[in-house]
Amino acid sequence: FGNKKRNGYRHLFGVSQLCRLYSTHFQLDQGLCAIMG
């Protein structure tokens, strides 16, 4: 609820998208990287 919910969305989805983006630099599976994030 509240800040915890907002922070959860921001952090989990933010890390996921960064993992997807940077996975190409390391030639790693984009889908797996997004899910681990």
All heavy atoms as atom14 arrays in JSON, in Angstrom:
{
  "sequence": "FGNKKRNGYRHLFGVSQLCRLYSTHFQLDQGLCAIMG",
  "atom14_mask": [
    [1, 1, 1, 1, 1, 1, 1, 1, 1, 1, 1, 0, 0, 0],
    [1, 1, 1, 1, 0, 0, 0, 0, 0, 0, 0, 0, 0, 0],
    [1, 1, 1, 1, 1, 1, 1, 1, 0, 0, 0, 0, 0, 0],
    [1, 1, 1, 1, 1, 1, 1, 1, 1, 0, 0, 0, 0, 0],
    [1, 1, 1, 1, 1, 1, 1, 1, 1, 0, 0, 0, 0, 0],
    [1, 1, 1, 1, 1, 1, 1, 1, 1, 1, 1, 0, 0, 0],
    [1, 1, 1, 1, 1, 1, 1, 1, 0, 0, 0, 0, 0, 0],
    [1, 1, 1, 1, 0, 0, 0, 0, 0, 0, 0, 0, 0, 0],
    [1, 1, 1, 1, 1, 1, 1, 1, 1, 1, 1, 1, 0, 0],
    [1, 1, 1, 1, 1, 1, 1, 1, 1, 1, 1, 0, 0, 0],
    [1, 1, 1, 1, 1, 1, 1, 1, 1, 1, 0, 0, 0, 0],
    [1, 1, 1, 1, 1, 1, 1, 1, 0, 0, 0, 0, 0, 0],
    [1, 1, 1, 1, 1, 1, 1, 1, 1, 1, 1, 0, 0, 0],
    [1, 1, 1, 1, 0, 0, 0, 0, 0, 0, 0, 0, 0, 0],
    [1, 1, 1, 1, 1, 1, 1, 0, 0, 0, 0, 0, 0, 0],
    [1, 1, 1, 1, 1, 1, 0, 0, 0, 0, 0, 0, 0, 0],
    [1, 1, 1, 1, 1, 1, 1, 1, 1, 0, 0, 0, 0, 0],
    [1, 1, 1, 1, 1, 1, 1, 1, 0, 0, 0, 0, 0, 0],
    [1, 1, 1, 1, 1, 1, 0, 0, 0, 0, 0, 0, 0, 0],
    [1, 1, 1, 1, 1, 1, 1, 1, 1, 1, 1, 0, 0, 0],
    [1, 1, 1, 1, 1, 1, 1, 1, 0, 0, 0, 0, 0, 0],
    [1, 1, 1, 1, 1, 1, 1, 1, 1, 1, 1, 1, 0, 0],
    [1, 1, 1, 1, 1, 1, 0, 0, 0, 0, 0, 0, 0, 0],
    [1, 1, 1, 1, 1, 1, 1, 0, 0, 0, 0, 0, 0, 0],
    [1, 1, 1, 1, 1, 1, 1, 1, 1, 1, 0, 0, 0, 0],
    [1, 1, 1, 1, 1, 1, 1, 1, 1, 1, 1, 0, 0, 0],
    [1, 1, 1, 1, 1, 1, 1, 1, 1, 0, 0, 0, 0, 0],
    [1, 1, 1, 1, 1, 1, 1, 1, 0, 0, 0, 0, 0, 0],
    [1, 1, 1, 1, 1, 1, 1, 1, 0, 0, 0, 0, 0, 0],
    [1, 1, 1, 1, 1, 1, 1, 1, 1, 0, 0, 0, 0, 0],
    [1, 1, 1, 1, 0, 0, 0, 0, 0, 0, 0, 0, 0, 0],
    [1, 1, 1, 1, 1, 1, 1, 1, 0, 0, 0, 0, 0, 0],
    [1, 1, 1, 1, 1, 1, 0, 0, 0, 0, 0, 0, 0, 0],
    [1, 1, 1, 1, 1, 0, 0, 0, 0, 0, 0, 0, 0, 0],
    [1, 1, 1, 1, 1, 1, 1, 1, 0, 0, 0, 0, 0, 0],
    [1, 1, 1, 1, 1, 1, 1, 1, 0, 0, 0, 0, 0, 0],
    [1, 1, 1, 1, 0, 0, 0, 0, 0, 0, 0, 0, 0, 0]
  ],
  "atom14_positions": [
    [[0.84, -1.19, 0.0], [0.0, 0.0, 0.0], [0.88, 1.24, 0.0], [2.03, 1.2, 0.45], [-0.92, -0.01, 1.23], [-1.76, -1.24, 1.3], [-1.32, -2.34, 2.04], [-2.95, -1.34, 0.61], [-2.08, -3.5, 2.09], [-3.71, -2.5, 0.66], [-3.27, -3.58, 1.4], [0.0, 0.0, 0.0], [0.0, 0.0, 0.0], [0.0, 0.0, 0.0]],
    [[0.35, 2.34, -0.49], [1.03, 3.63, -0.43], [2.41, 3.64, -1.06], [2.59, 3.17, -2.19], [0.0, 0.0, 0.0], [0.0, 0.0, 0.0], [0.0, 0.0, 0.0], [0.0, 0.0, 0.0], [0.0, 0.0, 0.0], [0.0, 0.0, 0.0], [0.0, 0.0, 0.0], [0.0, 0.0, 0.0], [0.0, 0.0, 0.0], [0.0, 0.0, 0.0]],
    [[3.38, 4.18, -0.31], [4.75, 4.3, -0.81], [5.37, 2.94, -1.14], [6.13, 2.83, -2.09], [5.64, 5.02, 0.19], [5.37, 6.5, 0.23], [4.82, 7.06, -0.71], [5.76, 7.14, 1.32], [0.0, 0.0, 0.0], [0.0, 0.0, 0.0], [0.0, 0.0, 0.0], [0.0, 0.0, 0.0], [0.0, 0.0, 0.0], [0.0, 0.0, 0.0]],
    [[5.05, 1.94, -0.36], [5.6, 0.6, -0.61], [5.15, 0.09, -1.98], [5.93, -0.48, -2.74], [5.16, -0.36, 0.5], [5.78, -1.72, 0.44], [7.14, -1.7, 1.03], [7.63, -3.1, 1.26], [8.9, -3.14, 1.94], [0.0, 0.0, 0.0], [0.0, 0.0, 0.0], [0.0, 0.0, 0.0], [0.0, 0.0, 0.0], [0.0, 0.0, 0.0]],
    [[3.9, 0.32, -2.31], [3.37, -0.1, -3.61], [4.06, 0.68, -4.73], [4.53, 0.1, -5.71], [1.87, 0.11, -3.68], [1.24, -0.35, -4.99], [-0.24, -0.02, -5.07], [-1.03, -0.98, -4.23], [-2.49, -0.87, -4.46], [0.0, 0.0, 0.0], [0.0, 0.0, 0.0], [0.0, 0.0, 0.0], [0.0, 0.0, 0.0], [0.0, 0.0, 0.0]],
    [[4.13, 1.99, -4.58], [4.76, 2.84, -5.6], [6.22, 2.45, -5.8], [6.7, 2.29, -6.92], [4.63, 4.31, -5.23], [5.07, 5.24, -6.34], [4.9, 6.71, -6.01], [5.93, 7.13, -5.06], [5.69, 7.52, -3.81], [4.45, 7.56, -3.35], [6.67, 7.87, -3.02], [0.0, 0.0, 0.0], [0.0, 0.0, 0.0], [0.0, 0.0, 0.0]],
    [[6.94, 2.27, -4.69], [8.35, 1.88, -4.77], [8.51, 0.49, -5.38], [9.46, 0.24, -6.12], [9.0, 1.93, -3.4], [9.17, 3.35, -2.91], [9.18, 4.29, -3.69], [9.29, 3.51, -1.6], [0.0, 0.0, 0.0], [0.0, 0.0, 0.0], [0.0, 0.0, 0.0], [0.0, 0.0, 0.0], [0.0, 0.0, 0.0], [0.0, 0.0, 0.0]],
    [[7.59, -0.41, -5.07], [7.65, -1.75, -5.63], [7.54, -1.73, -7.15], [8.34, -2.34, -7.86], [0.0, 0.0, 0.0], [0.0, 0.0, 0.0], [0.0, 0.0, 0.0], [0.0, 0.0, 0.0], [0.0, 0.0, 0.0], [0.0, 0.0, 0.0], [0.0, 0.0, 0.0], [0.0, 0.0, 0.0], [0.0, 0.0, 0.0], [0.0, 0.0, 0.0]],
    [[6.54, -1.02, -7.64], [6.39, -0.91, -9.09], [7.61, -0.26, -9.73], [8.16, -0.78, -10.7], [5.14, -0.1, -9.46], [3.86, -0.85, -9.27], [2.8, -0.3, -8.56], [3.69, -2.12, -9.81], [1.62, -1.0, -8.39], [2.52, -2.82, -9.65], [1.48, -2.26, -8.93], [0.32, -2.95, -8.78], [0.0, 0.0, 0.0], [0.0, 0.0, 0.0]],
    [[8.04, 0.86, -9.15], [9.18, 1.58, -9.73], [10.43, 0.7, -9.76], [11.08, 0.57, -10.8], [9.47, 2.85, -8.93], [10.7, 3.61, -9.42], [11.12, 4.73, -8.49], [11.28, 4.37, -7.1], [12.38, 3.75, -6.6], [13.38, 3.43, -7.37], [12.44, 3.47, -5.31], [0.0, 0.0, 0.0], [0.0, 0.0, 0.0], [0.0, 0.0, 0.0]],
    [[10.74, 0.11, -8.63], [12.01, -0.62, -8.54], [11.98, -1.93, -9.33], [12.89, -2.18, -10.14], [12.37, -0.88, -7.08], [13.71, -1.49, -6.92], [14.88, -0.85, -7.3], [14.09, -2.71, -6.45], [15.92, -1.63, -7.06], [15.46, -2.78, -6.55], [0.0, 0.0, 0.0], [0.0, 0.0, 0.0], [0.0, 0.0, 0.0], [0.0, 0.0, 0.0]],
    [[10.97, -2.76, -9.13], [10.94, -4.05, -9.83], [10.85, -3.88, -11.34], [11.61, -4.51, -12.09], [9.79, -4.91, -9.33], [9.86, -5.35, -7.87], [8.64, -6.17, -7.5], [11.14, -6.13, -7.59], [0.0, 0.0, 0.0], [0.0, 0.0, 0.0], [0.0, 0.0, 0.0], [0.0, 0.0, 0.0], [0.0, 0.0, 0.0], [0.0, 0.0, 0.0]],
    [[9.97, -3.02, -11.79], [9.81, -2.83, -13.24], [10.99, -2.04, -13.81], [11.41, -2.28, -14.95], [8.47, -2.18, -13.56], [7.31, -3.11, -13.34], [6.69, -3.19, -12.1], [6.87, -3.95, -14.34], [5.64, -4.08, -11.88], [5.83, -4.84, -14.14], [5.2, -4.91, -12.9], [0.0, 0.0, 0.0], [0.0, 0.0, 0.0], [0.0, 0.0, 0.0]],
    [[11.56, -1.13, -13.03], [12.74, -0.39, -13.48], [13.95, -1.29, -13.66], [14.64, -1.23, -14.68], [0.0, 0.0, 0.0], [0.0, 0.0, 0.0], [0.0, 0.0, 0.0], [0.0, 0.0, 0.0], [0.0, 0.0, 0.0], [0.0, 0.0, 0.0], [0.0, 0.0, 0.0], [0.0, 0.0, 0.0], [0.0, 0.0, 0.0], [0.0, 0.0, 0.0]],
    [[14.21, -2.13, -12.67], [15.34, -3.07, -12.76], [15.11, -4.03, -13.92], [16.03, -4.33, -14.68], [15.57, -3.82, -11.43], [16.62, -4.92, -11.6], [16.0, -2.85, -10.33], [0.0, 0.0, 0.0], [0.0, 0.0, 0.0], [0.0, 0.0, 0.0], [0.0, 0.0, 0.0], [0.0, 0.0, 0.0], [0.0, 0.0, 0.0], [0.0, 0.0, 0.0]],
    [[13.89, -4.47, -14.09], [13.57, -5.38, -15.19], [13.91, -4.76, -16.54], [14.54, -5.4, -17.4], [12.08, -5.74, -15.13], [11.73, -6.56, -16.22], [0.0, 0.0, 0.0], [0.0, 0.0, 0.0], [0.0, 0.0, 0.0], [0.0, 0.0, 0.0], [0.0, 0.0, 0.0], [0.0, 0.0, 0.0], [0.0, 0.0, 0.0], [0.0, 0.0, 0.0]],
    [[13.51, -3.52, -16.75], [13.77, -2.87, -18.03], [15.26, -2.59, -18.23], [15.77, -2.72, -19.35], [12.95, -1.59, -18.15], [11.45, -1.86, -18.25], [11.11, -2.89, -19.31], [11.47, -2.76, -20.47], [10.41, -3.94, -18.91], [0.0, 0.0, 0.0], [0.0, 0.0, 0.0], [0.0, 0.0, 0.0], [0.0, 0.0, 0.0], [0.0, 0.0, 0.0]],
    [[15.96, -2.23, -17.17], [17.41, -2.04, -17.29], [18.1, -3.37, -17.62], [19.02, -3.4, -18.43], [17.98, -1.45, -16.01], [17.66, 0.02, -15.76], [18.02, 0.42, -14.34], [18.37, 0.91, -16.78], [0.0, 0.0, 0.0], [0.0, 0.0, 0.0], [0.0, 0.0, 0.0], [0.0, 0.0, 0.0], [0.0, 0.0, 0.0], [0.0, 0.0, 0.0]],
    [[17.64, -4.44, -17.02], [18.21, -5.77, -17.32], [18.0, -6.11, -18.8], [18.91, -6.61, -19.47], [17.59, -6.84, -16.44], [18.2, -6.89, -14.75], [0.0, 0.0, 0.0], [0.0, 0.0, 0.0], [0.0, 0.0, 0.0], [0.0, 0.0, 0.0], [0.0, 0.0, 0.0], [0.0, 0.0, 0.0], [0.0, 0.0, 0.0], [0.0, 0.0, 0.0]],
    [[16.81, -5.84, -19.29], [16.52, -6.1, -20.7], [17.45, -5.26, -21.59], [18.05, -5.76, -22.54], [15.07, -5.78, -21.02], [14.7, -6.05, -22.48], [13.28, -5.62, -22.81], [12.25, -6.24, -22.02], [11.75, -7.46, -22.26], [12.2, -8.17, -23.26], [10.8, -7.95, -21.5], [0.0, 0.0, 0.0], [0.0, 0.0, 0.0], [0.0, 0.0, 0.0]],
    [[17.58, -3.99, -21.27], [18.41, -3.08, -22.06], [19.88, -3.51, -22.07], [20.49, -3.62, -23.13], [18.28, -1.66, -21.49], [19.23, -0.61, -22.07], [18.8, -0.26, -23.49], [19.23, 0.62, -21.19], [0.0, 0.0, 0.0], [0.0, 0.0, 0.0], [0.0, 0.0, 0.0], [0.0, 0.0, 0.0], [0.0, 0.0, 0.0], [0.0, 0.0, 0.0]],
    [[20.43, -3.74, -20.89], [21.86, -4.05, -20.8], [22.19, -5.49, -21.2], [23.35, -5.8, -21.46], [22.39, -3.76, -19.4], [22.68, -2.29, -19.17], [21.77, -1.48, -18.52], [23.87, -1.73, -19.62], [22.04, -0.13, -18.31], [24.15, -0.39, -19.42], [23.23, 0.4, -18.77], [23.5, 1.73, -18.58], [0.0, 0.0, 0.0], [0.0, 0.0, 0.0]],
    [[21.21, -6.36, -21.26], [21.48, -7.76, -21.63], [22.13, -7.86, -23.0], [22.95, -8.76, -23.23], [20.2, -8.58, -21.59], [19.3, -8.18, -22.6], [0.0, 0.0, 0.0], [0.0, 0.0, 0.0], [0.0, 0.0, 0.0], [0.0, 0.0, 0.0], [0.0, 0.0, 0.0], [0.0, 0.0, 0.0], [0.0, 0.0, 0.0], [0.0, 0.0, 0.0]],
    [[21.82, -6.93, -23.89], [22.39, -6.99, -25.24], [23.9, -6.73, -25.21], [24.63, -7.27, -26.03], [21.71, -5.98, -26.17], [21.84, -4.67, -25.64], [20.24, -6.3, -26.33], [0.0, 0.0, 0.0], [0.0, 0.0, 0.0], [0.0, 0.0, 0.0], [0.0, 0.0, 0.0], [0.0, 0.0, 0.0], [0.0, 0.0, 0.0], [0.0, 0.0, 0.0]],
    [[24.37, -5.9, -24.26], [25.81, -5.63, -24.15], [26.59, -6.89, -23.75], [27.76, -7.01, -24.08], [26.08, -4.54, -23.11], [25.67, -3.17, -23.55], [26.4, -2.42, -24.45], [24.59, -2.42, -23.23], [25.79, -1.27, -24.65], [24.7, -1.24, -23.93], [0.0, 0.0, 0.0], [0.0, 0.0, 0.0], [0.0, 0.0, 0.0], [0.0, 0.0, 0.0]],
    [[25.93, -7.78, -23.03], [26.59, -8.99, -22.55], [26.17, -10.23, -23.32], [26.56, -11.34, -22.98], [26.29, -9.17, -21.05], [26.77, -8.03, -20.22], [25.89, -7.05, -19.77], [28.12, -7.9, -19.9], [26.32, -5.99, -19.0], [28.56, -6.83, -19.14], [27.67, -5.88, -18.69], [0.0, 0.0, 0.0], [0.0, 0.0, 0.0], [0.0, 0.0, 0.0]],
    [[25.34, -10.04, -24.34], [24.82, -11.13, -25.16], [24.15, -12.2, -24.32], [24.38, -13.4, -24.47], [25.94, -11.7, -26.04], [26.47, -10.66, -27.0], [27.8, -11.03, -27.62], [28.46, -11.94, -27.18], [28.17, -10.29, -28.63], [0.0, 0.0, 0.0], [0.0, 0.0, 0.0], [0.0, 0.0, 0.0], [0.0, 0.0, 0.0], [0.0, 0.0, 0.0]],
    [[23.29, -11.73, -23.4], [22.52, -12.62, -22.54], [21.07, -12.64, -23.01], [20.62, -11.73, -23.71], [22.6, -12.15, -21.09], [24.01, -12.08, -20.49], [23.96, -11.5, -19.08], [24.67, -13.44, -20.49], [0.0, 0.0, 0.0], [0.0, 0.0, 0.0], [0.0, 0.0, 0.0], [0.0, 0.0, 0.0], [0.0, 0.0, 0.0], [0.0, 0.0, 0.0]],
    [[20.34, -13.65, -22.62], [18.94, -13.8, -23.01], [18.11, -12.65, -22.44], [17.97, -12.53, -21.22], [18.43, -15.15, -22.51], [17.02, -15.43, -22.96], [16.1, -14.78, -22.42], [16.84, -16.3, -23.83], [0.0, 0.0, 0.0], [0.0, 0.0, 0.0], [0.0, 0.0, 0.0], [0.0, 0.0, 0.0], [0.0, 0.0, 0.0], [0.0, 0.0, 0.0]],
    [[17.54, -11.82, -23.31], [16.78, -10.64, -22.88], [15.58, -11.01, -22.01], [15.31, -10.35, -21.01], [16.27, -9.86, -24.08], [17.28, -9.0, -24.74], [16.65, -8.11, -25.81], [15.58, -8.43, -26.35], [17.3, -7.01, -26.12], [0.0, 0.0, 0.0], [0.0, 0.0, 0.0], [0.0, 0.0, 0.0], [0.0, 0.0, 0.0], [0.0, 0.0, 0.0]],
    [[14.87, -12.03, -22.4], [13.68, -12.43, -21.65], [14.01, -12.89, -20.25], [13.35, -12.5, -19.27], [0.0, 0.0, 0.0], [0.0, 0.0, 0.0], [0.0, 0.0, 0.0], [0.0, 0.0, 0.0], [0.0, 0.0, 0.0], [0.0, 0.0, 0.0], [0.0, 0.0, 0.0], [0.0, 0.0, 0.0], [0.0, 0.0, 0.0], [0.0, 0.0, 0.0]],
    [[15.03, -13.74, -20.12], [15.44, -14.21, -18.79], [15.92, -13.04, -17.94], [15.63, -12.97, -16.74], [16.53, -15.27, -18.9], [16.16, -16.59, -19.59], [17.33, -17.55, -19.54], [14.91, -17.2, -18.99], [0.0, 0.0, 0.0], [0.0, 0.0, 0.0], [0.0, 0.0, 0.0], [0.0, 0.0, 0.0], [0.0, 0.0, 0.0], [0.0, 0.0, 0.0]],
    [[16.65, -12.13, -18.55], [17.16, -10.97, -17.81], [16.02, -10.09, -17.32], [16.03, -9.63, -16.17], [18.13, -10.18, -18.68], [19.68, -11.04, -18.98], [0.0, 0.0, 0.0], [0.0, 0.0, 0.0], [0.0, 0.0, 0.0], [0.0, 0.0, 0.0], [0.0, 0.0, 0.0], [0.0, 0.0, 0.0], [0.0, 0.0, 0.0], [0.0, 0.0, 0.0]],
    [[15.04, -9.86, -18.15], [13.89, -9.05, -17.75], [13.14, -9.71, -16.6], [12.73, -9.03, -15.64], [12.97, -8.81, -18.94], [0.0, 0.0, 0.0], [0.0, 0.0, 0.0], [0.0, 0.0, 0.0], [0.0, 0.0, 0.0], [0.0, 0.0, 0.0], [0.0, 0.0, 0.0], [0.0, 0.0, 0.0], [0.0, 0.0, 0.0], [0.0, 0.0, 0.0]],
    [[12.99, -11.01, -16.66], [12.26, -11.73, -15.61], [13.04, -11.75, -14.31], [12.47, -11.54, -13.24], [11.89, -13.15, -16.1], [10.81, -13.02, -17.17], [11.44, -14.03, -14.94], [10.56, -14.27, -17.98], [0.0, 0.0, 0.0], [0.0, 0.0, 0.0], [0.0, 0.0, 0.0], [0.0, 0.0, 0.0], [0.0, 0.0, 0.0], [0.0, 0.0, 0.0]],
    [[14.35, -11.93, -14.37], [15.13, -11.93, -13.12], [15.08, -10.54, -12.48], [15.02, -10.42, -11.26], [16.56, -12.4, -13.33], [17.47, -11.47, -14.06], [19.08, -12.24, -14.37], [19.95, -10.81, -15.03], [0.0, 0.0, 0.0], [0.0, 0.0, 0.0], [0.0, 0.0, 0.0], [0.0, 0.0, 0.0], [0.0, 0.0, 0.0], [0.0, 0.0, 0.0]],
    [[15.05, -9.49, -13.29], [14.91, -8.15, -12.75], [13.57, -7.94, -12.08], [13.47, -7.32, -11.03], [0.0, 0.0, 0.0], [0.0, 0.0, 0.0], [0.0, 0.0, 0.0], [0.0, 0.0, 0.0], [0.0, 0.0, 0.0], [0.0, 0.0, 0.0], [0.0, 0.0, 0.0], [0.0, 0.0, 0.0], [0.0, 0.0, 0.0], [0.0, 0.0, 0.0]]
  ]
}
